[in-house]
Structures are given as C-alpha cells and as structure tokens.
Amino acid sequence: MVKKTTSEVEELVPGQKAIIASLVSYQTGSVVSRTIIHDKAGTVTLFSFDEGEGLSEHTAPYDALLHLLEGEAEVTIAGNRNLMEQGEAIILPAGKPHAVQALRKCKILLTMIRSK
C-alpha cells in the first residue's frame, strides 16, 4: 500500500492533516472553487484565482472570514480597497457589498458562519 504524503492529499478526511491550499488547483483564466464543509451552520470554501480573475461585487447575508493562503489580491468592501498578501485575513461583514480581484495567482479560504 502506497501512503500519500500530506501534500498529495486530494480531500480532507476528518482526523487527518492536509495542506489546505493543495486541495484546489489553478486554471488559466478561471476562478475555481471547492467546498470543503457545507453544513446548516456554515460553509468553508477554497478558491483559486488566476491572475486578473475575480468575483464581482455582491453581498452575503452572513459574515465571512476571507483568509489569503497564497498570492496577492485586492478585496473591496463597501468601496474600501484592501490590498491583501499571503497569510492575511479580513472579515467580510454581512450585507456589505464586497468583491475580490487577484493581483497575482492566489488561493483563498472563505469561512461563512450562518447566524440566527
């Protein structure tokens, strides 16, 4: 039996560690998303953005934590631009318009908690 190393893990398995950014690949000219957890309490979604790609301005009914795992991105919240670098995080407040633009290829982990 061949054991996969942490960097070769294709999905998260409860109780097993993984390098989260390795669970989604870059695709030329695209934004790729992969849902890691989907539950009535919230979602955890991993994104990869090719350079120049993004998510247009939108709102969400719940707060979300955006954590930039790799690369650089511009995150705009209610008209305020935030230049984000690897390792940084920002809260996207519920009901506030926000958008994401990749300045370089980047990977983002987005955690949304649904509150009552």
Protein backbone atom coordinates (compact mmCIF):
# COMPACT_ATOMS: atom_id res chain seq x y z
CA MET A 1 0.00 0.00 0.00
CA VAL A 2 1.38 3.41 -1.02
CA LYS A 3 0.84 6.13 1.58
CA LYS A 4 0.21 9.64 0.26
CA THR A 5 2.15 12.49 1.76
CA THR A 6 0.27 15.45 3.20
CA SER A 7 0.87 17.49 0.03
CA GLU A 8 -0.70 14.76 -2.11
CA VAL A 9 -3.99 14.54 -0.21
CA GLU A 10 -6.95 15.00 -2.58
CA GLU A 11 -9.61 15.63 0.05
CA LEU A 12 -9.89 16.45 3.71
CA VAL A 13 -10.53 13.42 5.87
CA PRO A 14 -11.71 14.01 9.44
CA GLY A 15 -8.82 13.42 11.81
CA GLN A 16 -6.13 13.61 9.10
CA LYS A 17 -4.00 16.66 8.39
CA ALA A 18 -3.67 18.21 4.96
CA ILE A 19 -2.13 21.22 3.27
CA ILE A 20 -5.36 23.05 2.55
CA ALA A 21 -4.08 25.04 -0.45
CA SER A 22 -3.21 21.79 -2.25
CA LEU A 23 -6.89 20.85 -2.45
CA VAL A 24 -7.58 23.23 -5.34
CA SER A 25 -5.54 23.85 -8.49
CA TYR A 26 -5.08 26.93 -10.64
CA GLN A 27 -6.75 27.00 -14.05
CA THR A 28 -5.78 29.53 -16.70
CA GLY A 29 -8.28 32.38 -16.95
CA SER A 30 -10.52 30.95 -14.25
CA VAL A 31 -11.75 31.03 -10.69
CA VAL A 32 -12.02 27.54 -9.23
CA SER A 33 -13.94 26.77 -6.05
CA ARG A 34 -14.14 23.68 -3.90
CA THR A 35 -16.49 23.30 -0.96
CA ILE A 36 -14.69 21.76 2.00
CA ILE A 37 -17.57 21.90 4.51
CA HIS A 38 -21.23 22.55 3.77
CA ASP A 39 -23.49 22.49 6.78
CA LYS A 40 -26.57 24.32 8.05
CA ALA A 41 -24.24 26.18 10.45
CA GLY A 42 -21.99 27.45 7.65
CA THR A 43 -19.61 26.71 4.81
CA VAL A 44 -15.89 26.55 4.20
CA THR A 45 -14.90 27.07 0.57
CA LEU A 46 -11.46 27.05 -1.02
CA PHE A 47 -10.88 29.20 -4.12
CA SER A 48 -8.06 29.57 -6.62
CA PHE A 49 -7.93 32.66 -8.84
CA ASP A 50 -5.76 33.05 -11.90
CA GLU A 51 -4.05 36.44 -12.09
CA GLY A 52 -6.56 39.13 -13.06
CA GLU A 53 -9.60 36.99 -12.26
CA GLY A 54 -12.07 37.83 -9.53
CA LEU A 55 -15.53 37.80 -8.03
CA SER A 56 -17.71 40.76 -8.93
CA GLU A 57 -19.29 42.90 -6.25
CA HIS A 58 -22.02 41.12 -4.31
CA THR A 59 -23.46 40.87 -0.81
CA ALA A 60 -24.00 37.94 1.55
CA PRO A 61 -26.46 37.63 4.42
CA TYR A 62 -23.77 36.43 6.88
CA ASP A 63 -20.31 37.50 7.99
CA ALA A 64 -17.45 35.63 6.34
CA LEU A 65 -13.74 35.32 7.08
CA LEU A 66 -11.54 35.56 3.99
CA HIS A 67 -8.03 34.14 4.52
CA LEU A 68 -5.49 34.61 1.73
CA LEU A 69 -3.38 31.45 1.60
CA GLU A 70 -1.20 32.30 -1.42
CA GLY A 71 -0.57 35.23 -3.72
CA GLU A 72 -1.94 38.77 -3.65
CA ALA A 73 -5.47 40.11 -4.02
CA GLU A 74 -7.49 43.27 -3.74
CA VAL A 75 -10.58 42.90 -1.56
CA THR A 76 -13.05 45.77 -1.76
CA ILE A 77 -15.65 46.14 1.00
CA ALA A 78 -18.28 48.89 0.70
CA GLY A 79 -15.93 50.84 -1.60
CA ASN A 80 -12.84 50.49 0.64
CA ARG A 81 -9.90 48.78 -1.10
CA ASN A 82 -7.73 46.37 0.89
CA LEU A 83 -4.52 45.04 -0.65
CA MET A 84 -4.06 41.56 0.76
CA GLU A 85 -0.91 39.43 0.93
CA GLN A 86 -0.30 35.79 1.78
CA GLY A 87 -1.28 34.97 5.35
CA GLU A 88 -3.58 37.95 5.85
CA ALA A 89 -7.28 37.70 6.65
CA ILE A 90 -10.26 40.06 6.63
CA ILE A 91 -13.88 39.84 7.74
CA LEU A 92 -16.49 40.45 5.06
CA PRO A 93 -19.42 41.94 7.00
CA ALA A 94 -22.94 40.71 6.33
CA GLY A 95 -24.93 42.94 4.00
CA LYS A 96 -21.92 45.00 2.84
CA PRO A 97 -21.04 44.82 -0.86
CA HIS A 98 -17.66 43.19 -1.47
CA ALA A 99 -15.53 42.00 -4.38
CA VAL A 100 -12.25 40.10 -4.87
CA GLN A 101 -9.66 40.66 -7.61
CA ALA A 102 -6.47 38.57 -7.94
CA LEU A 103 -3.42 40.79 -8.41
CA ARG A 104 -1.35 37.59 -8.76
CA LYS A 105 -2.48 33.99 -8.76
CA CYS A 106 -3.98 33.40 -5.35
CA LYS A 107 -5.78 30.90 -3.18
CA ILE A 108 -8.38 31.95 -0.63
CA LEU A 109 -10.12 30.06 2.15
CA LEU A 110 -13.57 31.52 2.86
CA THR A 111 -15.39 30.59 6.05
CA MET A 112 -19.01 31.69 6.39
CA ILE A 113 -20.90 31.16 9.63
CA ARG A 114 -24.66 31.35 9.41
CA SER A 115 -26.02 33.10 12.45
CA LYS A 116 -29.61 33.07 13.60
